[in-house]
Amino acid sequence: MSIDELKEALLDKTYPESVKISSDQVVIDVPKFLEIQFLECELWKKKDITKCPGHLRLVKFYEATKAEAPSATQD
């Protein structure tokens, strides 16, 4: 998934107070999490964005919220 696709899928939506993205990771401040992960992706200097840690976390977040689609609604 590209950064633009992730932005379109994740931004301007309402999410639960916390989102579990893996067995050892729980996002408790979704707006701050998204801001930091997208910033990290913008600053990634290497060519392959899929190896950026921020991109990997955004994809995990996307997968976790896609599974909970009814609770993630568009504003």
PDB file of N, CA and C in Angstrom:
ATOM      1  N   MET A   1       0.836  -1.178   0.000  1.00  0.00           N
ATOM      2  CA  MET A   1       0.000   0.000   0.000  1.00  0.00           C
ATOM      3  C   MET A   1       0.882   1.243   0.000  1.00  0.00           C
ATOM      4  N   SER A   2       0.544   2.188  -0.838  1.00  0.00           N
ATOM      5  CA  SER A   2       1.330   3.422  -0.895  1.00  0.00           C
ATOM      6  C   SER A   2       0.939   4.360   0.252  1.00  0.00           C
ATOM      7  N   ILE A   3       1.772   5.362   0.468  1.00  0.00           N
ATOM      8  CA  ILE A   3       1.481   6.357   1.512  1.00  0.00           C
ATOM      9  C   ILE A   3       0.184   7.099   1.187  1.00  0.00           C
ATOM     10  N   ASP A   4      -0.009   7.452  -0.074  1.00  0.00           N
ATOM     11  CA  ASP A   4      -1.244   8.144  -0.460  1.00  0.00           C
ATOM     12  C   ASP A   4      -2.473   7.280  -0.196  1.00  0.00           C
ATOM     13  N   GLU A   5      -2.389   5.983  -0.478  1.00  0.00           N
ATOM     14  CA  GLU A   5      -3.507   5.082  -0.209  1.00  0.00           C
ATOM     15  C   GLU A   5      -3.775   4.987   1.292  1.00  0.00           C
ATOM     16  N   LEU A   6      -2.708   4.929   2.077  1.00  0.00           N
ATOM     17  CA  LEU A   6      -2.868   4.878   3.531  1.00  0.00           C
ATOM     18  C   LEU A   6      -3.481   6.169   4.064  1.00  0.00           C
ATOM     19  N   LYS A   7      -3.035   7.306   3.549  1.00  0.00           N
ATOM     20  CA  LYS A   7      -3.615   8.584   3.985  1.00  0.00           C
ATOM     21  C   LYS A   7      -5.102   8.627   3.679  1.00  0.00           C
ATOM     22  N   GLU A   8      -5.475   8.205   2.481  1.00  0.00           N
ATOM     23  CA  GLU A   8      -6.882   8.211   2.090  1.00  0.00           C
ATOM     24  C   GLU A   8      -7.699   7.270   2.970  1.00  0.00           C
ATOM     25  N   ALA A   9      -7.129   6.119   3.300  1.00  0.00           N
ATOM     26  CA  ALA A   9      -7.855   5.122   4.083  1.00  0.00           C
ATOM     27  C   ALA A   9      -7.922   5.450   5.569  1.00  0.00           C
ATOM     28  N   LEU A  10      -6.920   6.160   6.098  1.00  0.00           N
ATOM     29  CA  LEU A  10      -6.830   6.325   7.552  1.00  0.00           C
ATOM     30  C   LEU A  10      -7.181   7.707   8.084  1.00  0.00           C
ATOM     31  N   LEU A  11      -6.923   8.746   7.310  1.00  0.00           N
ATOM     32  CA  LEU A  11      -7.139  10.095   7.835  1.00  0.00           C
ATOM     33  C   LEU A  11      -8.606  10.501   7.767  1.00  0.00           C
ATOM     34  N   ASP A  12      -8.986  11.453   8.606  1.00  0.00           N
ATOM     35  CA  ASP A  12     -10.344  12.002   8.674  1.00  0.00           C
ATOM     36  C   ASP A  12     -11.386  10.957   9.048  1.00  0.00           C
ATOM     37  N   LYS A  13     -11.006  10.055   9.934  1.00  0.00           N
ATOM     38  CA  LYS A  13     -11.934   9.045  10.427  1.00  0.00           C
ATOM     39  C   LYS A  13     -11.907   9.063  11.952  1.00  0.00           C
ATOM     40  N   THR A  14     -12.930   8.494  12.545  1.00  0.00           N
ATOM     41  CA  THR A  14     -13.016   8.375  13.994  1.00  0.00           C
ATOM     42  C   THR A  14     -12.668   6.943  14.382  1.00  0.00           C
ATOM     43  N   TYR A  15     -11.832   6.808  15.401  1.00  0.00           N
ATOM     44  CA  TYR A  15     -11.379   5.489  15.840  1.00  0.00           C
ATOM     45  C   TYR A  15     -11.677   5.307  17.318  1.00  0.00           C
ATOM     46  N   PRO A  16     -11.666   4.057  17.778  1.00  0.00           N
ATOM     47  CA  PRO A  16     -11.829   3.812  19.214  1.00  0.00           C
ATOM     48  C   PRO A  16     -10.692   4.474  19.999  1.00  0.00           C
ATOM     49  N   GLU A  17     -10.865   4.559  21.303  1.00  0.00           N
ATOM     50  CA  GLU A  17      -9.861   5.203  22.147  1.00  0.00           C
ATOM     51  C   GLU A  17      -8.516   4.498  22.068  1.00  0.00           C
ATOM     52  N   SER A  18      -8.527   3.180  21.944  1.00  0.00           N
ATOM     53  CA  SER A  18      -7.281   2.429  21.764  1.00  0.00           C
ATOM     54  C   SER A  18      -7.484   1.385  20.672  1.00  0.00           C
ATOM     55  N   VAL A  19      -6.412   1.125  19.921  1.00  0.00           N
ATOM     56  CA  VAL A  19      -6.458   0.161  18.827  1.00  0.00           C
ATOM     57  C   VAL A  19      -5.270  -0.789  18.984  1.00  0.00           C
ATOM     58  N   LYS A  20      -5.557  -2.076  19.081  1.00  0.00           N
ATOM     59  CA  LYS A  20      -4.498  -3.082  19.194  1.00  0.00           C
ATOM     60  C   LYS A  20      -4.063  -3.461  17.790  1.00  0.00           C
ATOM     61  N   ILE A  21      -2.784  -3.145  17.457  1.00  0.00           N
ATOM     62  CA  ILE A  21      -2.308  -3.417  16.104  1.00  0.00           C
ATOM     63  C   ILE A  21      -1.474  -4.691  16.024  1.00  0.00           C
ATOM     64  N   SER A  22      -1.066  -5.222  17.156  1.00  0.00           N
ATOM     65  CA  SER A  22      -0.387  -6.518  17.213  1.00  0.00           C
ATOM     66  C   SER A  22      -0.453  -6.996  18.660  1.00  0.00           C
ATOM     67  N   SER A  23       0.050  -8.201  18.883  1.00  0.00           N
ATOM     68  CA  SER A  23      -0.048  -8.758  20.234  1.00  0.00           C
ATOM     69  C   SER A  23       0.699  -7.931  21.277  1.00  0.00           C
ATOM     70  N   ASP A  24       1.691  -7.146  20.826  1.00  0.00           N
ATOM     71  CA  ASP A  24       2.478  -6.352  21.770  1.00  0.00           C
ATOM     72  C   ASP A  24       2.399  -4.849  21.522  1.00  0.00           C
ATOM     73  N   GLN A  25       1.483  -4.404  20.663  1.00  0.00           N
ATOM     74  CA  GLN A  25       1.374  -2.979  20.367  1.00  0.00           C
ATOM     75  C   GLN A  25      -0.083  -2.512  20.433  1.00  0.00           C
ATOM     76  N   VAL A  26      -0.314  -1.496  21.260  1.00  0.00           N
ATOM     77  CA  VAL A  26      -1.632  -0.880  21.364  1.00  0.00           C
ATOM     78  C   VAL A  26      -1.470   0.618  21.178  1.00  0.00           C
ATOM     79  N   VAL A  27      -2.220   1.172  20.259  1.00  0.00           N
ATOM     80  CA  VAL A  27      -2.200   2.618  20.012  1.00  0.00           C
ATOM     81  C   VAL A  27      -3.227   3.251  20.938  1.00  0.00           C
ATOM     82  N   ILE A  28      -2.785   4.183  21.785  1.00  0.00           N
ATOM     83  CA  ILE A  28      -3.712   4.815  22.730  1.00  0.00           C
ATOM     84  C   ILE A  28      -3.997   6.273  22.376  1.00  0.00           C
ATOM     85  N   ASP A  29      -3.199   6.868  21.513  1.00  0.00           N
ATOM     86  CA  ASP A  29      -3.427   8.232  21.039  1.00  0.00           C
ATOM     87  C   ASP A  29      -3.375   8.195  19.511  1.00  0.00           C
ATOM     88  N   VAL A  30      -4.498   7.839  18.900  1.00  0.00           N
ATOM     89  CA  VAL A  30      -4.533   7.599  17.456  1.00  0.00           C
ATOM     90  C   VAL A  30      -4.100   8.817  16.642  1.00  0.00           C
ATOM     91  N   PRO A  31      -4.621  10.022  16.896  1.00  0.00           N
ATOM     92  CA  PRO A  31      -4.182  11.164  16.076  1.00  0.00           C
ATOM     93  C   PRO A  31      -2.665  11.390  16.127  1.00  0.00           C
ATOM     94  N   LYS A  32      -2.069  11.286  17.311  1.00  0.00           N
ATOM     95  CA  LYS A  32      -0.618  11.473  17.449  1.00  0.00           C
ATOM     96  C   LYS A  32       0.131  10.338  16.751  1.00  0.00           C
ATOM     97  N   PHE A  33      -0.351   9.124  16.905  1.00  0.00           N
ATOM     98  CA  PHE A  33       0.260   7.968  16.243  1.00  0.00           C
ATOM     99  C   PHE A  33       0.291   8.178  14.733  1.00  0.00           C
ATOM    100  N   LEU A  34      -0.850   8.535  14.147  1.00  0.00           N
ATOM    101  CA  LEU A  34      -0.910   8.726  12.694  1.00  0.00           C
ATOM    102  C   LEU A  34       0.015   9.859  12.250  1.00  0.00           C
ATOM    103  N   GLU A  35       0.012  10.957  13.002  1.00  0.00           N
ATOM    104  CA  GLU A  35       0.877  12.091  12.671  1.00  0.00           C
ATOM    105  C   GLU A  35       2.349  11.673  12.633  1.00  0.00           C
ATOM    106  N   ILE A  36       2.780  10.961  13.657  1.00  0.00           N
ATOM    107  CA  ILE A  36       4.190  10.577  13.753  1.00  0.00           C
ATOM    108  C   ILE A  36       4.562   9.550  12.685  1.00  0.00           C
ATOM    109  N   GLN A  37       3.691   8.587  12.447  1.00  0.00           N
ATOM    110  CA  GLN A  37       4.015   7.552  11.459  1.00  0.00           C
ATOM    111  C   GLN A  37       4.087   8.132  10.048  1.00  0.00           C
ATOM    112  N   PHE A  38       3.152   9.019   9.699  1.00  0.00           N
ATOM    113  CA  PHE A  38       3.203   9.653   8.374  1.00  0.00           C
ATOM    114  C   PHE A  38       4.426  10.555   8.248  1.00  0.00           C
ATOM    115  N   LEU A  39       4.793  11.246   9.324  1.00  0.00           N
ATOM    116  CA  LEU A  39       6.002  12.072   9.312  1.00  0.00           C
ATOM    117  C   LEU A  39       7.241  11.206   9.092  1.00  0.00           C
ATOM    118  N   GLU A  40       7.308  10.085   9.787  1.00  0.00           N
ATOM    119  CA  GLU A  40       8.443   9.181   9.610  1.00  0.00           C
ATOM    120  C   GLU A  40       8.534   8.695   8.159  1.00  0.00           C
ATOM    121  N   CYS A  41       7.401   8.413   7.553  1.00  0.00           N
ATOM    122  CA  CYS A  41       7.395   7.969   6.150  1.00  0.00           C
ATOM    123  C   CYS A  41       7.870   9.080   5.214  1.00  0.00           C
ATOM    124  N   GLU A  42       7.473  10.312   5.489  1.00  0.00           N
ATOM    125  CA  GLU A  42       7.905  11.439   4.653  1.00  0.00           C
ATOM    126  C   GLU A  42       9.410  11.660   4.760  1.00  0.00           C
ATOM    127  N   LEU A  43       9.989  11.378   5.925  1.00  0.00           N
ATOM    128  CA  LEU A  43      11.412  11.588   6.136  1.00  0.00           C
ATOM    129  C   LEU A  43      12.268  10.400   5.709  1.00  0.00           C
ATOM    130  N   TRP A  44      11.648   9.296   5.323  1.00  0.00           N
ATOM    131  CA  TRP A  44      12.371   8.089   4.930  1.00  0.00           C
ATOM    132  C   TRP A  44      13.165   8.377   3.671  1.00  0.00           C
ATOM    133  N   LYS A  45      14.462   8.231   3.736  1.00  0.00           N
ATOM    134  CA  LYS A  45      15.346   8.607   2.630  1.00  0.00           C
ATOM    135  C   LYS A  45      15.599   7.465   1.648  1.00  0.00           C
ATOM    136  N   LYS A  46      15.328   6.245   2.062  1.00  0.00           N
ATOM    137  CA  LYS A  46      15.601   5.107   1.200  1.00  0.00           C
ATOM    138  C   LYS A  46      14.468   4.948   0.191  1.00  0.00           C
ATOM    139  N   LYS A  47      14.733   4.257  -0.884  1.00  0.00           N
ATOM    140  CA  LYS A  47      13.754   4.157  -1.961  1.00  0.00           C
ATOM    141  C   LYS A  47      12.555   3.280  -1.625  1.00  0.00           C
ATOM    142  N   ASP A  48      12.770   2.178  -0.929  1.00  0.00           N
ATOM    143  CA  ASP A  48      11.686   1.226  -0.680  1.00  0.00           C
ATOM    144  C   ASP A  48      10.908   1.594   0.580  1.00  0.00           C
ATOM    145  N   ILE A  49       9.780   2.272   0.394  1.00  0.00           N
ATOM    146  CA  ILE A  49       8.976   2.748   1.527  1.00  0.00           C
ATOM    147  C   ILE A  49       8.427   1.584   2.348  1.00  0.00           C
ATOM    148  N   THR A  50       8.282   0.412   1.742  1.00  0.00           N
ATOM    149  CA  THR A  50       7.720  -0.723   2.476  1.00  0.00           C
ATOM    150  C   THR A  50       8.652  -1.224   3.575  1.00  0.00           C
ATOM    151  N   LYS A  51       9.887  -0.753   3.594  1.00  0.00           N
ATOM    152  CA  LYS A  51      10.829  -1.137   4.648  1.00  0.00           C
ATOM    153  C   LYS A  51      10.902  -0.094   5.767  1.00  0.00           C
ATOM    154  N   CYS A  52      10.176   0.985   5.626  1.00  0.00           N
ATOM    155  CA  CYS A  52      10.138   2.031   6.644  1.00  0.00           C
ATOM    156  C   CYS A  52       9.329   1.529   7.844  1.00  0.00           C
ATOM    157  N   PRO A  53       9.872   1.626   9.062  1.00  0.00           N
ATOM    158  CA  PRO A  53       9.127   1.171  10.240  1.00  0.00           C
ATOM    159  C   PRO A  53       7.767   1.864  10.394  1.00  0.00           C
ATOM    160  N   GLY A  54       7.700   3.142  10.059  1.00  0.00           N
ATOM    161  CA  GLY A  54       6.427   3.859  10.145  1.00  0.00           C
ATOM    162  C   GLY A  54       5.399   3.295   9.183  1.00  0.00           C
ATOM    163  N   HIS A  55       5.837   2.943   7.987  1.00  0.00           N
ATOM    164  CA  HIS A  55       4.940   2.353   6.987  1.00  0.00           C
ATOM    165  C   HIS A  55       4.422   1.007   7.481  1.00  0.00           C
ATOM    166  N   LEU A  56       5.306   0.206   8.061  1.00  0.00           N
ATOM    167  CA  LEU A  56       4.894  -1.100   8.583  1.00  0.00           C
ATOM    168  C   LEU A  56       3.839  -0.943   9.683  1.00  0.00           C
ATOM    169  N   ARG A  57       4.043   0.042  10.564  1.00  0.00           N
ATOM    170  CA  ARG A  57       3.068   0.276  11.642  1.00  0.00           C
ATOM    171  C   ARG A  57       1.745   0.797  11.079  1.00  0.00           C
ATOM    172  N   LEU A  58       1.797   1.643  10.057  1.00  0.00           N
ATOM    173  CA  LEU A  58       0.562   2.144   9.443  1.00  0.00           C
ATOM    174  C   LEU A  58      -0.224   1.012   8.787  1.00  0.00           C
ATOM    175  N   VAL A  59       0.467   0.098   8.139  1.00  0.00           N
ATOM    176  CA  VAL A  59      -0.218  -1.038   7.519  1.00  0.00           C
ATOM    177  C   VAL A  59      -0.850  -1.921   8.591  1.00  0.00           C
ATOM    178  N   LYS A  60      -0.142  -2.140   9.699  1.00  0.00           N
ATOM    179  CA  LYS A  60      -0.714  -2.910  10.812  1.00  0.00           C
ATOM    180  C   LYS A  60      -1.961  -2.205  11.352  1.00  0.00           C
ATOM    181  N   PHE A  61      -1.876  -0.882  11.505  1.00  0.00           N
ATOM    182  CA  PHE A  61      -3.018  -0.101  11.996  1.00  0.00           C
ATOM    183  C   PHE A  61      -4.187  -0.222  11.024  1.00  0.00           C
ATOM    184  N   TYR A  62      -3.898  -0.112   9.734  1.00  0.00           N
ATOM    185  CA  TYR A  62      -4.939  -0.237   8.711  1.00  0.00           C
ATOM    186  C   TYR A  62      -5.623  -1.597   8.801  1.00  0.00           C
ATOM    187  N   GLU A  63      -4.827  -2.654   8.884  1.00  0.00           N
ATOM    188  CA  GLU A  63      -5.384  -4.004   8.969  1.00  0.00           C
ATOM    189  C   GLU A  63      -6.232  -4.163  10.233  1.00  0.00           C
ATOM    190  N   ALA A  64      -5.765  -3.626  11.351  1.00  0.00           N
ATOM    191  CA  ALA A  64      -6.499  -3.739  12.615  1.00  0.00           C
ATOM    192  C   ALA A  64      -7.815  -2.970  12.564  1.00  0.00           C
ATOM    193  N   THR A  65      -7.810  -1.796  11.957  1.00  0.00           N
ATOM    194  CA  THR A  65      -9.039  -1.001  11.919  1.00  0.00           C
ATOM    195  C   THR A  65      -9.970  -1.469  10.811  1.00  0.00           C
ATOM    196  N   LYS A  66      -9.419  -2.068   9.778  1.00  0.00           N
ATOM    197  CA  LYS A  66     -10.261  -2.619   8.709  1.00  0.00           C
ATOM    198  C   LYS A  66     -11.090  -3.765   9.273  1.00  0.00           C
ATOM    199  N   ALA A  67     -10.506  -4.563  10.153  1.00  0.00           N
ATOM    200  CA  ALA A  67     -11.207  -5.673  10.785  1.00  0.00           C
ATOM    201  C   ALA A  67     -12.326  -5.174  11.702  1.00  0.00           C
ATOM    202  N   GLU A  68     -12.149  -3.944  12.245  1.00  0.00           N
ATOM    203  CA  GLU A  68     -13.147  -3.329  13.133  1.00  0.00           C
ATOM    204  C   GLU A  68     -13.946  -2.270  12.392  1.00  0.00           C
ATOM    205  N   ALA A  69     -14.157  -2.431  11.103  1.00  0.00           N
ATOM    206  CA  ALA A  69     -14.741  -1.398  10.249  1.00  0.00           C
ATOM    207  C   ALA A  69     -15.942  -0.665  10.846  1.00  0.00           C
ATOM    208  N   PRO A  70     -16.887  -1.319  11.507  1.00  0.00           N
ATOM    209  CA  PRO A  70     -18.017  -0.548  12.044  1.00  0.00           C
ATOM    210  C   PRO A  70     -17.627   0.520  13.058  1.00  0.00           C
ATOM    211  N   SER A  71     -16.514   0.325  13.802  1.00  0.00           N
ATOM    212  CA  SER A  71     -16.136   1.308  14.811  1.00  0.00           C
ATOM    213  C   SER A  71     -15.251   2.418  14.249  1.00  0.00           C
ATOM    214  N   ALA A  72     -14.760   2.261  13.030  1.00  0.00           N
ATOM    215  CA  ALA A  72     -13.974   3.308  12.385  1.00  0.00           C
ATOM    216  C   ALA A  72     -14.872   3.964  11.334  1.00  0.00           C
ATOM    217  N   THR A  73     -15.378   5.123  11.660  1.00  0.00           N
ATOM    218  CA  THR A  73     -16.328   5.783  10.760  1.00  0.00           C
ATOM    219  C   THR A  73     -15.778   7.096  10.256  1.00  0.00           C
ATOM    220  N   GLN A  74     -16.247   7.461   9.081  1.00  0.00           N
ATOM    221  CA  GLN A  74     -15.781   8.701   8.487  1.00  0.00           C
ATOM    222  C   GLN A  74     -16.518   9.885   9.099  1.00  0.00           C
ATOM    223  N   ASP A  75     -15.780  10.972   9.355  1.00  0.00           N
ATOM    224  CA  ASP A  75     -16.403  12.182   9.907  1.00  0.00           C
ATOM    225  C   ASP A  75     -17.109  12.965   8.825  1.00  0.00           C
TER     226      ASP A  75
END
